[in-house]
Amino acid sequence: MKKKFVAALVCAAMAVGLLAGCGGNKSESSSGGAAAPAESGGTEAADVDYGTGEIKIWVADNIVDFTKDTIATFQKDNPQYAGYKVTVEAVGEGDAAGNMITDVEAGADIFGFAQDQIARLVTAGALEEVAPDNVEAVESENDAGAVAAATVGDTLYAYPLTSDNGYFLYYDKSVVTDPSSLEKIIADCEAAGKNFYMEVNSGWYQTAFFFGTGAELTYETDDTGKFTACNASYASPEGLLALKEITELCGSKSFQNGSAIGEATNVGAIVDGTWDAETAQQVFGDNYACAKLPEFTAADGNNYQMSGFGGFKLLGVKPQSDENKLAVCDAIAAYLSSGDVQLARYEAVKWGPSNLEAQKSDIVKSDAALSALAEQLAFTIPQGQYPGDYWTLATSLGDSVISGELTTGSSDDDLMAALQKFQDTCNSYVGK
């Protein structure tokens, strides 16, 4: 557990870093990574002796240079941290959690990770809670979805980095005439002989239908990351409408299961994310366009807005026996996740900020993909913690439609039986 004086040291350190964003130089991107936000002046924190040591940081490969440059600037502007040698290594968000859980002691001191891994990391003792005096700033300066993703129980365990891990619609505007309607998108693709891609056998993407009709599937965890409750209503009239719509989509001759435009062929529209924006622009050329997910007309005759998950990248700090080192790690994590650095990171590698002020910048607002995602996120829920087995189960449900086991010709009883089995299995993961 952090001692109070560590939180105070971190608060002072953040004050030093935040001065960098007040009237400082605008960050610039280059082949060597973006410079951190401008210079900072001294504060009382400079008089604190933090000692010496080594700090290891894991981040995605495409921000290694950016992170190195940002930390170098931070240490230059804050010489009280110069006694620490900081090493930045390329370990992606998808691998970091698994590596940390396997061997916490050998893992990084600071590491980026996807929000769906936070419960596992807390359970493994791989995450220190955010310094108490930093909590208010983190919660007020970042969007609510990112803050929720960084929280387990009532405890904030990580620093938000992005709000860009969601999905929306990329489309060829010479093919799709009305991106607001799923039925019209499908009709346009069929008429043009083009394909519509969506990964319906993914527990991440298929929630767009279920959450859209009002079905629920969320888990509650305690502060240790243990699953304590499952709130599921897939076996319901709402869930039935969603599953029927999935069978309708899969029955179209234009449908292709997938979510990576770089692997798509003859594509007219695809449900994908910001990570594929550059590829989508190359594929569609002058006809490149983005939009939130469409509405669909369900079997009951009503229109429903497609929903789904919002995802986030987070930055975690490993518990430390040396409280001075812990304070330095928190200061670095707070700075790397600050609004100015988030904006500089966007300029360097196009990661979408979670910081509210950075989101308001003209350069971020002019990004078509991020704008579509921002509009879509208003209709989504933050992806909380889900058991690992959930993802396999959801794949099986989608596969049963793709394979033709469940179709538009299936009876309501058969569809509801599949949903009840799915829901019962989801409930069985509680307590694990």
Protein backbone atom coordinates (compact mmCIF):
# COMPACT_ATOMS: atom_id res chain seq x y z
CA MET A 1 0.00 0.00 0.00
CA LYS A 2 1.27 3.47 -0.80
CA LYS A 3 2.31 5.66 2.10
CA LYS A 4 0.89 9.18 2.17
CA PHE A 5 4.21 10.88 1.58
CA VAL A 6 4.62 8.98 -1.70
CA ALA A 7 1.35 10.46 -2.93
CA ALA A 8 2.55 13.90 -1.90
CA LEU A 9 5.80 13.47 -3.79
CA VAL A 10 3.89 12.38 -6.89
CA CYS A 11 1.58 15.36 -6.62
CA ALA A 12 4.56 17.69 -6.54
CA ALA A 13 6.08 15.84 -9.48
CA MET A 14 2.89 16.25 -11.49
CA ALA A 15 2.96 19.97 -10.80
CA VAL A 16 6.39 20.10 -12.39
CA GLY A 17 5.23 18.15 -15.42
CA LEU A 18 2.03 20.09 -15.86
CA LEU A 19 3.90 23.38 -16.02
CA ALA A 20 5.23 22.01 -19.28
CA GLY A 21 1.82 22.40 -20.86
CA CYS A 22 1.27 25.99 -19.72
CA GLY A 23 2.40 28.24 -22.53
CA GLY A 24 5.08 25.81 -23.62
CA ASN A 25 6.23 24.90 -27.09
CA LYS A 26 3.92 22.82 -29.23
CA SER A 27 5.08 19.22 -29.59
CA GLU A 28 6.31 18.09 -32.98
CA SER A 29 6.35 14.68 -34.61
CA SER A 30 9.32 13.29 -36.48
CA SER A 31 10.78 9.98 -37.54
CA GLY A 32 12.44 9.79 -34.15
CA GLY A 33 9.19 10.33 -32.24
CA ALA A 34 7.46 13.43 -30.96
CA ALA A 35 9.00 15.79 -28.49
CA ALA A 36 7.32 16.01 -25.13
CA PRO A 37 5.42 19.14 -24.21
CA ALA A 38 7.62 22.05 -23.45
CA GLU A 39 9.90 22.96 -20.62
CA SER A 40 8.97 23.16 -17.00
CA GLY A 41 10.32 25.22 -14.19
CA GLY A 42 11.55 24.07 -10.80
CA THR A 43 9.37 23.40 -7.77
CA GLU A 44 9.89 22.27 -4.24
CA ALA A 45 9.93 18.69 -5.57
CA ALA A 46 13.38 19.39 -7.01
CA ASP A 47 14.74 19.45 -3.44
CA VAL A 48 13.59 15.88 -2.75
CA ASP A 49 16.28 13.19 -2.88
CA TYR A 50 14.74 10.32 -4.84
CA GLY A 51 17.97 8.34 -4.88
CA THR A 52 19.07 6.24 -7.82
CA GLY A 53 17.85 3.14 -9.57
CA GLU A 54 16.57 1.61 -12.78
CA ILE A 55 13.06 1.75 -14.22
CA LYS A 56 11.83 -0.52 -17.00
CA ILE A 57 8.92 0.55 -19.18
CA TRP A 58 6.95 -1.57 -21.66
CA VAL A 59 5.02 0.15 -24.45
CA ALA A 60 3.84 -0.74 -27.94
CA ASP A 61 6.54 -0.84 -30.59
CA ASN A 62 5.24 2.19 -32.47
CA ILE A 63 5.62 4.50 -29.46
CA VAL A 64 9.00 3.32 -28.16
CA ASP A 65 10.90 6.25 -29.69
CA PHE A 66 8.20 8.70 -28.67
CA THR A 67 8.31 7.45 -25.08
CA LYS A 68 12.10 7.58 -24.91
CA ASP A 69 12.13 11.17 -26.17
CA THR A 70 9.32 12.21 -23.82
CA ILE A 71 11.01 10.75 -20.75
CA ALA A 72 14.37 12.26 -21.72
CA THR A 73 12.75 15.68 -21.84
CA PHE A 74 10.94 15.05 -18.57
CA GLN A 75 14.12 14.07 -16.76
CA LYS A 76 16.00 17.01 -18.23
CA ASP A 77 13.34 19.41 -17.00
CA ASN A 78 13.11 17.58 -13.66
CA PRO A 79 16.69 16.80 -12.56
CA GLN A 80 15.51 15.33 -9.26
CA TYR A 81 14.69 12.19 -11.28
CA ALA A 82 17.99 12.07 -13.15
CA GLY A 83 19.37 9.39 -10.84
CA TYR A 84 17.11 6.81 -12.48
CA LYS A 85 18.08 5.03 -15.66
CA VAL A 86 14.91 4.48 -17.67
CA THR A 87 14.80 1.67 -20.22
CA VAL A 88 11.92 1.54 -22.72
CA GLU A 89 11.15 -1.81 -24.32
CA ALA A 90 8.70 -2.84 -27.03
CA VAL A 91 6.00 -5.04 -25.47
CA GLY A 92 2.51 -4.50 -26.89
CA GLU A 93 -0.65 -4.03 -24.86
CA GLY A 94 -1.83 -7.48 -25.86
CA ASP A 95 1.26 -9.18 -24.43
CA ALA A 96 2.14 -7.01 -21.46
CA ALA A 97 -0.50 -8.34 -19.07
CA GLY A 98 0.32 -11.97 -19.76
CA ASN A 99 4.02 -11.31 -19.26
CA MET A 100 3.41 -9.41 -16.03
CA ILE A 101 1.15 -12.10 -14.59
CA THR A 102 3.65 -14.82 -15.47
CA ASP A 103 6.45 -13.12 -13.51
CA VAL A 104 5.55 -9.90 -11.71
CA GLU A 105 9.01 -9.42 -10.25
CA ALA A 106 10.72 -9.65 -13.65
CA GLY A 107 8.08 -7.51 -15.34
CA ALA A 108 8.18 -3.84 -16.18
CA ASP A 109 7.85 -1.12 -13.55
CA ILE A 110 5.53 0.84 -15.83
CA PHE A 111 3.58 -0.79 -18.65
CA GLY A 112 0.83 -0.10 -21.15
CA PHE A 113 -2.04 -2.58 -21.38
CA ALA A 114 -5.53 -3.02 -22.75
CA GLN A 115 -8.31 -2.29 -20.27
CA ASP A 116 -9.81 -5.76 -20.46
CA GLN A 117 -6.73 -7.11 -18.66
CA ILE A 118 -6.99 -4.96 -15.54
CA ALA A 119 -8.82 -7.50 -13.35
CA ARG A 120 -6.20 -10.18 -14.05
CA LEU A 121 -3.40 -7.74 -13.27
CA VAL A 122 -4.97 -6.68 -9.97
CA THR A 123 -5.54 -10.29 -8.95
CA ALA A 124 -1.89 -11.10 -9.74
CA GLY A 125 -0.64 -8.18 -7.63
CA ALA A 126 0.88 -6.55 -10.71
CA LEU A 127 -0.80 -3.15 -10.33
CA GLU A 128 -0.31 -0.49 -7.67
CA GLU A 129 -3.27 1.80 -7.13
CA VAL A 130 -2.95 5.32 -8.48
CA ALA A 131 -1.41 7.66 -5.92
CA PRO A 132 -4.31 9.00 -3.80
CA ASP A 133 -3.48 12.65 -4.49
CA ASN A 134 -3.56 11.96 -8.23
CA VAL A 135 -6.98 10.35 -8.35
CA GLU A 136 -9.03 13.53 -8.57
CA ALA A 137 -6.96 14.89 -11.47
CA VAL A 138 -7.11 11.62 -13.40
CA GLU A 139 -10.86 11.32 -12.94
CA SER A 140 -11.63 14.94 -13.85
CA GLU A 141 -9.27 15.29 -16.81
CA ASN A 142 -10.16 12.10 -18.70
CA ASP A 143 -13.44 10.96 -20.19
CA ALA A 144 -15.74 8.84 -18.07
CA GLY A 145 -15.30 5.69 -20.13
CA ALA A 146 -11.53 5.71 -19.73
CA VAL A 147 -11.79 6.35 -16.00
CA ALA A 148 -14.26 3.48 -15.59
CA ALA A 149 -11.93 1.20 -17.53
CA ALA A 150 -9.06 2.06 -15.17
CA THR A 151 -11.11 1.27 -12.07
CA VAL A 152 -11.64 -2.05 -10.28
CA GLY A 153 -14.26 -1.99 -7.56
CA ASP A 154 -13.93 1.52 -6.16
CA THR A 155 -10.18 1.77 -6.71
CA LEU A 156 -8.39 3.56 -9.56
CA TYR A 157 -5.54 1.28 -10.61
CA ALA A 158 -4.23 2.83 -13.84
CA TYR A 159 -3.62 6.03 -15.78
CA PRO A 160 -5.76 6.37 -18.96
CA LEU A 161 -3.81 6.85 -22.20
CA THR A 162 -6.42 6.62 -24.97
CA SER A 163 -10.10 6.45 -25.84
CA ASP A 164 -9.62 5.01 -29.31
CA ASN A 165 -10.17 1.29 -28.98
CA GLY A 166 -13.66 1.02 -30.37
CA TYR A 167 -15.30 0.26 -33.70
CA PHE A 168 -17.40 2.12 -36.23
CA LEU A 169 -18.10 2.05 -39.99
CA TYR A 170 -15.62 2.60 -42.79
CA TYR A 171 -17.28 2.72 -46.20
CA ASP A 172 -16.89 3.49 -49.88
CA LYS A 173 -19.07 6.54 -50.44
CA SER A 174 -19.45 5.67 -54.14
CA VAL A 175 -21.19 2.46 -53.01
CA VAL A 176 -22.97 3.26 -49.76
CA THR A 177 -25.57 5.99 -50.14
CA ASP A 178 -26.91 6.00 -46.57
CA PRO A 179 -24.52 4.84 -43.81
CA SER A 180 -27.16 5.39 -41.12
CA SER A 181 -29.15 2.25 -42.03
CA LEU A 182 -27.75 -1.28 -41.91
CA GLU A 183 -30.43 -2.50 -44.32
CA LYS A 184 -29.53 0.20 -46.85
CA ILE A 185 -25.81 -0.49 -46.48
CA ILE A 186 -26.40 -4.18 -47.19
CA ALA A 187 -28.68 -3.40 -50.12
CA ASP A 188 -26.11 -1.01 -51.64
CA CYS A 189 -23.31 -3.55 -51.23
CA GLU A 190 -25.42 -6.29 -52.78
CA ALA A 191 -26.40 -4.08 -55.72
CA ALA A 192 -22.76 -3.12 -56.36
CA GLY A 193 -21.45 -6.65 -55.93
CA LYS A 194 -19.40 -5.49 -52.94
CA ASN A 195 -18.78 -7.12 -49.57
CA PHE A 196 -19.86 -5.97 -46.13
CA TYR A 197 -17.52 -7.10 -43.35
CA MET A 198 -18.26 -7.54 -39.67
CA GLU A 199 -16.79 -10.05 -37.21
CA VAL A 200 -19.97 -11.48 -35.71
CA ASN A 201 -18.17 -14.41 -34.05
CA SER A 202 -16.28 -12.03 -31.78
CA GLY A 203 -17.49 -11.28 -28.26
CA TRP A 204 -16.34 -7.74 -28.84
CA TYR A 205 -18.18 -6.96 -32.08
CA GLN A 206 -21.37 -8.99 -31.62
CA THR A 207 -22.34 -6.88 -28.60
CA ALA A 208 -23.16 -4.14 -31.13
CA PHE A 209 -26.43 -6.00 -31.76
CA PHE A 210 -27.23 -7.23 -28.26
CA PHE A 211 -26.49 -3.98 -26.45
CA GLY A 212 -28.25 -2.11 -29.24
CA THR A 213 -31.58 -3.85 -28.57
CA GLY A 214 -31.19 -3.43 -24.81
CA ALA A 215 -29.85 -6.84 -23.80
CA GLU A 216 -27.26 -6.72 -21.04
CA LEU A 217 -24.07 -8.59 -20.28
CA THR A 218 -21.71 -7.13 -17.70
CA TYR A 219 -19.70 -8.49 -14.79
CA GLU A 220 -18.97 -7.06 -11.39
CA THR A 221 -15.65 -7.56 -9.61
CA ASP A 222 -14.34 -6.89 -6.16
CA ASP A 223 -11.12 -5.03 -5.44
CA THR A 224 -9.12 -8.21 -5.96
CA GLY A 225 -10.49 -8.65 -9.48
CA LYS A 226 -12.65 -11.68 -8.61
CA PHE A 227 -15.94 -11.89 -10.52
CA THR A 228 -18.75 -11.45 -8.02
CA ALA A 229 -21.84 -11.06 -10.22
CA CYS A 230 -23.01 -11.42 -13.81
CA ASN A 231 -25.74 -9.14 -15.11
CA ALA A 232 -26.97 -10.98 -18.19
CA SER A 233 -30.23 -10.74 -20.13
CA TYR A 234 -29.40 -12.28 -23.51
CA ALA A 235 -32.14 -14.89 -23.01
CA SER A 236 -34.85 -12.26 -23.39
CA PRO A 237 -37.03 -10.64 -26.05
CA GLU A 238 -34.25 -8.08 -26.53
CA GLY A 239 -31.63 -10.76 -26.98
CA LEU A 240 -33.86 -12.64 -29.41
CA LEU A 241 -34.21 -9.53 -31.59
CA ALA A 242 -30.44 -9.15 -31.65
CA LEU A 243 -29.75 -12.76 -32.58
CA LYS A 244 -32.38 -12.62 -35.32
CA GLU A 245 -30.67 -9.56 -36.77
CA ILE A 246 -27.32 -11.36 -36.78
CA THR A 247 -28.90 -14.23 -38.72
CA GLU A 248 -30.36 -11.70 -41.18
CA LEU A 249 -26.94 -10.13 -41.73
CA CYS A 250 -25.19 -13.48 -42.18
CA GLY A 251 -27.85 -14.47 -44.70
CA SER A 252 -26.87 -11.66 -47.06
CA LYS A 253 -24.77 -12.58 -50.09
CA SER A 254 -22.63 -9.51 -49.35
CA PHE A 255 -21.73 -10.58 -45.80
CA GLN A 256 -18.18 -11.59 -44.95
CA ASN A 257 -17.02 -12.35 -41.41
CA GLY A 258 -14.03 -10.19 -40.57
CA SER A 259 -12.86 -6.89 -39.12
CA ALA A 260 -9.49 -6.13 -40.73
CA ILE A 261 -9.73 -4.09 -43.91
CA GLY A 262 -6.19 -5.04 -44.84
CA GLU A 263 -7.41 -8.63 -45.24
CA ALA A 264 -10.73 -7.72 -46.90
CA THR A 265 -11.46 -8.11 -50.60
CA ASN A 266 -13.90 -6.22 -52.81
CA VAL A 267 -15.06 -4.30 -49.76
CA GLY A 268 -17.89 -1.78 -49.82
CA ALA A 269 -18.12 -1.28 -46.05
CA ILE A 270 -16.53 -2.71 -42.92
CA VAL A 271 -16.89 -2.45 -39.16
CA ASP A 272 -13.33 -1.79 -37.99
CA GLY A 273 -11.33 0.51 -35.71
CA THR A 274 -9.00 3.50 -35.75
CA TRP A 275 -5.94 1.25 -35.97
CA ASP A 276 -6.90 0.56 -39.60
CA ALA A 277 -7.61 4.16 -40.62
CA GLU A 278 -4.55 4.49 -42.83
CA THR A 279 -5.25 1.19 -44.58
CA ALA A 280 -8.91 2.14 -45.06
CA GLN A 281 -7.87 5.41 -46.71
CA GLN A 282 -5.61 3.47 -49.07
CA VAL A 283 -8.34 0.97 -49.93
CA PHE A 284 -11.11 3.49 -50.54
CA GLY A 285 -9.00 6.35 -51.88
CA ASP A 286 -11.10 9.39 -52.76
CA ASN A 287 -14.23 7.50 -51.71
CA TYR A 288 -12.98 7.02 -48.12
CA ALA A 289 -15.63 7.82 -45.52
CA CYS A 290 -16.39 7.04 -41.87
CA ALA A 291 -19.53 7.05 -39.74
CA LYS A 292 -20.87 5.75 -36.47
CA LEU A 293 -22.46 2.33 -36.65
CA PRO A 294 -25.87 2.32 -38.32
CA GLU A 295 -29.32 1.60 -37.00
CA PHE A 296 -31.13 -1.59 -37.96
CA THR A 297 -34.81 -2.44 -38.23
CA ALA A 298 -35.43 -5.46 -36.04
CA ALA A 299 -38.05 -8.20 -36.34
CA ASP A 300 -40.43 -6.18 -34.15
CA GLY A 301 -40.43 -3.34 -36.70
CA ASN A 302 -38.55 -0.93 -34.45
CA ASN A 303 -35.22 0.72 -35.23
CA TYR A 304 -32.25 0.15 -32.94
CA GLN A 305 -28.90 1.94 -32.89
CA MET A 306 -25.98 -0.48 -32.97
CA SER A 307 -23.99 -0.24 -29.78
CA GLY A 308 -21.09 -2.30 -28.44
CA PHE A 309 -17.95 -1.80 -26.42
CA GLY A 310 -15.64 1.14 -26.02
CA GLY A 311 -12.03 0.20 -25.35
CA PHE A 312 -9.07 2.01 -23.85
CA LYS A 313 -5.32 1.81 -23.44
CA LEU A 314 -4.08 2.23 -19.87
CA LEU A 315 -0.73 2.75 -18.17
CA GLY A 316 -0.01 0.79 -15.01
CA VAL A 317 2.62 0.99 -12.28
CA LYS A 318 3.92 -2.15 -10.59
CA PRO A 319 4.05 -2.20 -6.76
CA GLN A 320 7.51 -1.30 -5.46
CA SER A 321 9.27 -2.01 -2.17
CA ASP A 322 11.26 1.23 -2.54
CA GLU A 323 8.84 4.10 -1.96
CA ASN A 324 11.14 6.63 -3.63
CA LYS A 325 11.20 4.52 -6.78
CA LEU A 326 7.42 4.16 -6.57
CA ALA A 327 7.07 7.94 -6.43
CA VAL A 328 9.29 8.33 -9.49
CA CYS A 329 7.32 5.66 -11.38
CA ASP A 330 4.06 7.42 -10.53
CA ALA A 331 5.47 10.77 -11.62
CA ILE A 332 6.54 9.32 -14.97
CA ALA A 333 3.20 7.54 -15.47
CA ALA A 334 1.27 10.69 -14.61
CA TYR A 335 3.33 12.69 -17.10
CA LEU A 336 3.12 10.12 -19.92
CA SER A 337 -0.67 10.14 -19.51
CA SER A 338 -1.05 13.92 -19.21
CA GLY A 339 -3.10 15.88 -21.72
CA ASP A 340 -0.15 17.54 -23.44
CA VAL A 341 1.66 14.25 -23.91
CA GLN A 342 -1.51 12.53 -25.12
CA LEU A 343 -1.87 15.23 -27.76
CA ALA A 344 1.79 14.93 -28.76
CA ARG A 345 1.34 11.16 -28.99
CA TYR A 346 -1.64 11.65 -31.29
CA GLU A 347 0.48 13.87 -33.52
CA ALA A 348 3.20 11.22 -33.59
CA VAL A 349 1.24 7.97 -34.02
CA LYS A 350 -2.48 8.92 -34.11
CA TRP A 351 -3.47 7.40 -30.78
CA GLY A 352 -6.79 8.99 -29.79
CA PRO A 353 -6.63 10.87 -26.48
CA SER A 354 -8.73 10.13 -23.41
CA ASN A 355 -7.87 13.56 -22.00
CA LEU A 356 -10.84 15.89 -22.41
CA GLU A 357 -8.84 18.97 -23.40
CA ALA A 358 -6.76 17.02 -25.92
CA GLN A 359 -9.98 15.72 -27.46
CA LYS A 360 -11.08 19.32 -28.08
CA SER A 361 -8.00 20.22 -30.12
CA ASP A 362 -8.61 21.08 -33.77
CA ILE A 363 -6.19 18.45 -35.02
CA VAL A 364 -8.00 15.66 -33.16
CA LYS A 365 -11.46 16.88 -34.13
CA SER A 366 -10.44 16.97 -37.82
CA ASP A 367 -9.59 13.24 -37.79
CA ALA A 368 -12.49 11.53 -39.61
CA ALA A 369 -11.97 8.12 -37.98
CA LEU A 370 -11.67 9.50 -34.46
CA SER A 371 -14.71 11.71 -35.04
CA ALA A 372 -16.76 8.70 -36.13
CA LEU A 373 -15.56 6.76 -33.11
CA ALA A 374 -16.34 9.64 -30.76
CA GLU A 375 -19.88 9.72 -32.13
CA GLN A 376 -20.20 5.95 -31.76
CA LEU A 377 -18.85 5.91 -28.20
CA ALA A 378 -21.93 7.87 -27.13
CA PHE A 379 -23.93 4.69 -27.80
CA THR A 380 -21.54 2.16 -26.26
CA ILE A 381 -20.59 0.97 -22.81
CA PRO A 382 -17.00 0.88 -21.55
CA GLN A 383 -15.65 -2.62 -21.84
CA GLY A 384 -15.38 -3.79 -18.27
CA GLN A 385 -13.86 -6.99 -17.01
CA TYR A 386 -14.93 -10.28 -18.63
CA PRO A 387 -13.78 -13.83 -17.89
CA GLY A 388 -11.41 -15.25 -20.45
CA ASP A 389 -13.88 -18.04 -21.21
CA TYR A 390 -16.49 -15.47 -22.27
CA TRP A 391 -14.62 -14.70 -25.46
CA THR A 392 -14.47 -18.34 -26.49
CA LEU A 393 -18.16 -18.74 -25.68
CA ALA A 394 -19.10 -15.71 -27.78
CA THR A 395 -17.07 -17.03 -30.70
CA SER A 396 -19.04 -20.27 -30.50
CA LEU A 397 -22.36 -18.38 -30.58
CA GLY A 398 -21.32 -16.44 -33.68
CA ASP A 399 -19.96 -19.55 -35.36
CA SER A 400 -23.31 -21.25 -34.92
CA VAL A 401 -24.84 -18.56 -37.13
CA ILE A 402 -22.02 -18.43 -39.68
CA SER A 403 -22.10 -22.23 -40.06
CA GLY A 404 -25.85 -22.25 -40.67
CA GLU A 405 -26.78 -24.01 -37.44
CA LEU A 406 -28.88 -20.96 -36.56
CA THR A 407 -30.52 -19.14 -39.48
CA THR A 408 -33.41 -16.85 -40.33
CA GLY A 409 -35.47 -20.03 -40.62
CA SER A 410 -34.75 -21.14 -37.05
CA SER A 411 -37.70 -21.06 -34.68
CA ASP A 412 -37.88 -18.62 -31.83
CA ASP A 413 -37.67 -21.56 -29.45
CA ASP A 414 -34.42 -22.77 -30.99
CA LEU A 415 -32.90 -19.31 -30.96
CA MET A 416 -33.99 -18.74 -27.36
CA ALA A 417 -32.56 -22.10 -26.32
CA ALA A 418 -29.19 -21.08 -27.73
CA LEU A 419 -29.38 -17.76 -25.88
CA GLN A 420 -30.39 -19.43 -22.60
CA LYS A 421 -27.44 -21.83 -22.84
CA PHE A 422 -25.15 -18.89 -23.54
CA GLN A 423 -26.51 -16.88 -20.61
CA ASP A 424 -26.35 -19.79 -18.16
CA THR A 425 -22.73 -20.40 -19.10
CA CYS A 426 -21.91 -16.71 -18.62
CA ASN A 427 -23.43 -16.89 -15.14
CA SER A 428 -21.35 -19.94 -14.31
CA TYR A 429 -18.14 -17.86 -14.47
CA VAL A 430 -19.04 -15.92 -11.32
CA GLY A 431 -16.78 -16.71 -8.40
CA LYS A 432 -13.86 -17.66 -10.59
